[in-house]
C-alpha atoms as a PDB file:
ATOM      1  CA  LEU A   1      25.773  44.034  -6.937  1.00  0.00           C
ATOM      2  CA  ASP A   2      28.570  42.913  -9.176  1.00  0.00           C
ATOM      3  CA  ASP A   3      27.306  40.862 -12.154  1.00  0.00           C
ATOM      4  CA  ASN A   4      30.128  38.355 -11.586  1.00  0.00           C
ATOM      5  CA  TYR A   5      29.133  37.836  -7.963  1.00  0.00           C
ATOM      6  CA  SER A   6      27.304  34.640  -7.170  1.00  0.00           C
ATOM      7  CA  TRP A   7      26.489  32.930  -3.925  1.00  0.00           C
ATOM      8  CA  SER A   8      25.580  29.346  -3.302  1.00  0.00           C
ATOM      9  CA  PRO A   9      25.203  27.538  -0.007  1.00  0.00           C
ATOM     10  CA  ASP A  10      27.630  24.832   1.027  1.00  0.00           C
ATOM     11  CA  ASN A  11      26.640  21.462  -0.338  1.00  0.00           C
ATOM     12  CA  HIS A  12      24.078  19.686   1.753  1.00  0.00           C
ATOM     13  CA  THR A  13      25.318  16.437   3.268  1.00  0.00           C
ATOM     14  CA  SER A  14      23.026  14.430   1.029  1.00  0.00           C
ATOM     15  CA  ALA A  15      24.540  16.065  -2.081  1.00  0.00           C
ATOM     16  CA  ARG A  16      28.058  14.749  -1.408  1.00  0.00           C
ATOM     17  CA  LYS A  17      29.395  12.327  -3.956  1.00  0.00           C
ATOM     18  CA  GLN A  18      30.954   9.039  -2.830  1.00  0.00           C
ATOM     19  CA  ASN A  19      34.379  10.234  -4.074  1.00  0.00           C
ATOM     20  CA  ASP A  20      34.182  13.313  -1.815  1.00  0.00           C
ATOM     21  CA  ILE A  21      33.770  11.335   1.407  1.00  0.00           C
ATOM     22  CA  ASN A  22      37.510  10.454   1.535  1.00  0.00           C
ATOM     23  CA  ASN A  23      37.091   7.287   3.596  1.00  0.00           C
ATOM     24  CA  ASP A  24      35.652   9.190   6.566  1.00  0.00           C
ATOM     25  CA  ILE A  25      32.557   6.983   6.604  1.00  0.00           C
ATOM     26  CA  ALA A  26      31.836   7.460  10.327  1.00  0.00           C
ATOM     27  CA  PHE A  27      31.748  11.274  10.039  1.00  0.00           C
ATOM     28  CA  ASP A  28      29.662  11.098   6.861  1.00  0.00           C
ATOM     29  CA  TYR A  29      27.158   8.719   8.495  1.00  0.00           C
ATOM     30  CA  CYS A  30      26.857  10.942  11.579  1.00  0.00           C
ATOM     31  CA  ASP A  31      26.342  13.986   9.358  1.00  0.00           C
ATOM     32  CA  LEU A  32      23.664  12.184   7.312  1.00  0.00           C
ATOM     33  CA  VAL A  33      21.792  10.967  10.405  1.00  0.00           C
ATOM     34  CA  ASN A  34      21.688  14.446  11.892  1.00  0.00           C
ATOM     35  CA  SER A  35      20.605  16.133   8.668  1.00  0.00           C
ATOM     36  CA  VAL A  36      18.047  13.694   7.190  1.00  0.00           C
ATOM     37  CA  GLN A  37      17.099  11.099   9.839  1.00  0.00           C
ATOM     38  CA  ARG A  38      16.119  13.240  12.835  1.00  0.00           C
ATOM     39  CA  HIS A  39      12.640  14.500  13.651  1.00  0.00           C
ATOM     40  CA  THR A  40      13.987  17.837  14.812  1.00  0.00           C
ATOM     41  CA  ARG A  41      10.931  19.419  16.404  1.00  0.00           C
ATOM     42  CA  CYS A  42       7.191  19.084  16.662  1.00  0.00           C
ATOM     43  CA  ASN A  43       4.754  21.876  15.853  1.00  0.00           C
ATOM     44  CA  THR A  44       1.067  22.234  15.018  1.00  0.00           C
ATOM     45  CA  ASN A  45       1.790  23.088  11.382  1.00  0.00           C
ATOM     46  CA  TYR A  46       3.426  19.748  10.748  1.00  0.00           C
ATOM     47  CA  CYS A  47       2.900  16.891  13.163  1.00  0.00           C
ATOM     48  CA  LEU A  48       1.207  17.894  16.427  1.00  0.00           C
ATOM     49  CA  ARG A  49      -2.396  16.708  16.427  1.00  0.00           C
ATOM     50  CA  ALA A  50      -5.098  16.192  19.034  1.00  0.00           C
ATOM     51  CA  LYS A  51      -6.618  12.711  19.067  1.00  0.00           C
ATOM     52  CA  LYS A  52     -10.389  12.442  18.793  1.00  0.00           C
ATOM     53  CA  GLY A  53     -12.036  13.243  22.106  1.00  0.00           C
ATOM     54  CA  SER A  54      -8.885  14.814  23.553  1.00  0.00           C
ATOM     55  CA  CYS A  55      -7.366  18.277  23.681  1.00  0.00           C
ATOM     56  CA  GLU A  56      -3.865  16.923  24.336  1.00  0.00           C
ATOM     57  CA  LEU A  57      -1.505  17.369  21.392  1.00  0.00           C
ATOM     58  CA  SER A  58       0.851  14.575  20.400  1.00  0.00           C
ATOM     59  CA  CYS A  59       3.187  13.934  17.490  1.00  0.00           C
ATOM     60  CA  ARG A  60       1.462  11.900  14.770  1.00  0.00           C
ATOM     61  CA  PHE A  61       4.794  10.157  14.095  1.00  0.00           C
ATOM     62  CA  GLY A  62       5.238   9.125  17.739  1.00  0.00           C
ATOM     63  CA  TYR A  63       8.201  11.355  18.654  1.00  0.00           C
ATOM     64  CA  PRO A  64       9.982  11.508  20.959  1.00  0.00           C
ATOM     65  CA  ARG A  65      10.444   7.727  20.990  1.00  0.00           C
ATOM     66  CA  GLN A  66      11.806   5.489  23.703  1.00  0.00           C
ATOM     67  CA  LEU A  67      15.518   4.809  23.800  1.00  0.00           C
ATOM     68  CA  CYS A  68      16.417   1.170  23.015  1.00  0.00           C
ATOM     69  CA  ASP A  69      19.525  -0.815  23.960  1.00  0.00           C
ATOM     70  CA  ASN A  70      18.907  -3.473  21.288  1.00  0.00           C
ATOM     71  CA  THR A  71      17.243  -3.834  17.924  1.00  0.00           C
ATOM     72  CA  ASP A  72      14.022  -5.840  18.075  1.00  0.00           C
ATOM     73  CA  ILE A  73      11.168  -6.823  15.781  1.00  0.00           C
ATOM     74  CA  SER A  74       7.681  -7.162  17.199  1.00  0.00           C
ATOM     75  CA  PHE A  75       4.443  -8.409  15.663  1.00  0.00           C
ATOM     76  CA  GLU A  76       0.886  -7.534  16.613  1.00  0.00           C
ATOM     77  CA  ILE A  77      -2.324  -9.222  15.472  1.00  0.00           C
ATOM     78  CA  LEU A  78      -4.945  -6.578  14.715  1.00  0.00           C
ATOM     79  CA  VAL A  79      -8.698  -6.852  15.293  1.00  0.00           C
ATOM     80  CA  ASP A  80      -9.327  -7.694  11.621  1.00  0.00           C
ATOM     81  CA  GLY A  81      -6.805 -10.572  11.788  1.00  0.00           C
ATOM     82  CA  LYS A  82      -4.048  -8.741   9.906  1.00  0.00           C
ATOM     83  CA  ILE A  83      -0.532  -8.657  11.271  1.00  0.00           C
ATOM     84  CA  ARG A  84       1.463  -5.476  11.898  1.00  0.00           C
ATOM     85  CA  GLY A  85       5.229  -5.722  12.192  1.00  0.00           C
ATOM     86  CA  THR A  86       7.313  -3.057  13.909  1.00  0.00           C
ATOM     87  CA  VAL A  87      11.074  -2.580  13.892  1.00  0.00           C
ATOM     88  CA  LEU A  88      12.531  -1.064  17.063  1.00  0.00           C
ATOM     89  CA  THR A  89      16.146  -0.179  16.361  1.00  0.00           C
ATOM     90  CA  LYS A  90      18.875   0.459  18.865  1.00  0.00           C
ATOM     91  CA  ARG A  91      18.809   4.202  19.528  1.00  0.00           C
ATOM     92  CA  ASN A  92      20.418   6.722  21.852  1.00  0.00           C
ATOM     93  CA  ASP A  93      18.415   9.661  20.496  1.00  0.00           C
ATOM     94  CA  PRO A  94      14.634   9.913  21.061  1.00  0.00           C
ATOM     95  CA  ARG A  95      14.173  11.816  17.782  1.00  0.00           C
ATOM     96  CA  LEU A  96      16.108   9.410  15.551  1.00  0.00           C
ATOM     97  CA  ASN A  97      14.166   7.839  12.689  1.00  0.00           C
ATOM     98  CA  VAL A  98      14.276   4.062  12.170  1.00  0.00           C
ATOM     99  CA  HIS A  99      16.751   3.465   9.336  1.00  0.00           C
ATOM    100  CA  ASN A 100      19.335   1.103   7.889  1.00  0.00           C
ATOM    101  CA  PRO A 101      22.860   2.619   7.912  1.00  0.00           C
ATOM    102  CA  THR A 102      23.944   0.914   4.672  1.00  0.00           C
ATOM    103  CA  MET A 103      20.830   2.056   2.810  1.00  0.00           C
ATOM    104  CA  LEU A 104      21.249   5.584   4.197  1.00  0.00           C
ATOM    105  CA  ARG A 105      24.885   5.856   3.079  1.00  0.00           C
ATOM    106  CA  HIS A 106      23.948   4.872  -0.481  1.00  0.00           C
ATOM    107  CA  TRP A 107      20.553   6.613  -0.853  1.00  0.00           C
ATOM    108  CA  ARG A 108      21.791   9.761   0.976  1.00  0.00           C
ATOM    109  CA  ALA A 109      18.275  10.895   1.903  1.00  0.00           C
ATOM    110  CA  ASN A 110      15.586  10.019   4.433  1.00  0.00           C
ATOM    111  CA  VAL A 111      15.142   6.247   4.712  1.00  0.00           C
ATOM    112  CA  ASP A 112      12.213   4.810   6.666  1.00  0.00           C
ATOM    113  CA  LEU A 113      12.491   1.163   7.624  1.00  0.00           C
ATOM    114  CA  GLN A 114       9.296  -0.899   7.889  1.00  0.00           C
ATOM    115  CA  ILE A 115       8.374  -4.570   7.761  1.00  0.00           C
ATOM    116  CA  ILE A 116       6.062  -5.666   4.977  1.00  0.00           C
ATOM    117  CA  VAL A 117       4.129  -8.744   6.127  1.00  0.00           C
ATOM    118  CA  ASP A 118       1.391  -8.794   3.475  1.00  0.00           C
ATOM    119  CA  LEU A 119       0.150  -6.945   0.398  1.00  0.00           C
ATOM    120  CA  ASP A 120      -1.908  -4.514   2.509  1.00  0.00           C
ATOM    121  CA  ALA A 121       1.186  -3.406   4.418  1.00  0.00           C
ATOM    122  CA  CYS A 122       3.007  -2.011   1.365  1.00  0.00           C
END
């Protein structure tokens, strides 16, 4: 190999600087969602687990998720009296992670969106 030869991969979407986006916010957002906000596949090394008393494997993160036409917030009272809040965002992709587009565009990495209803939830 030539000593002057170097190779580096193209910049990852999340490594783009705001000045490099050139006002193509829609393309940038789509690129970010597909590179950092999708649960691409399930496998036993990462997320597929059998629940106690069952041999059936399921994703511990709940993917694939149901498609939703609207964003909704739901609350559930647990057995111990605590409240669990869940955000169901509008989605057309069953493997899309719940996120906030504005936060994603600025953070440029995986953003999970959850409701904090008490100190135990955070």
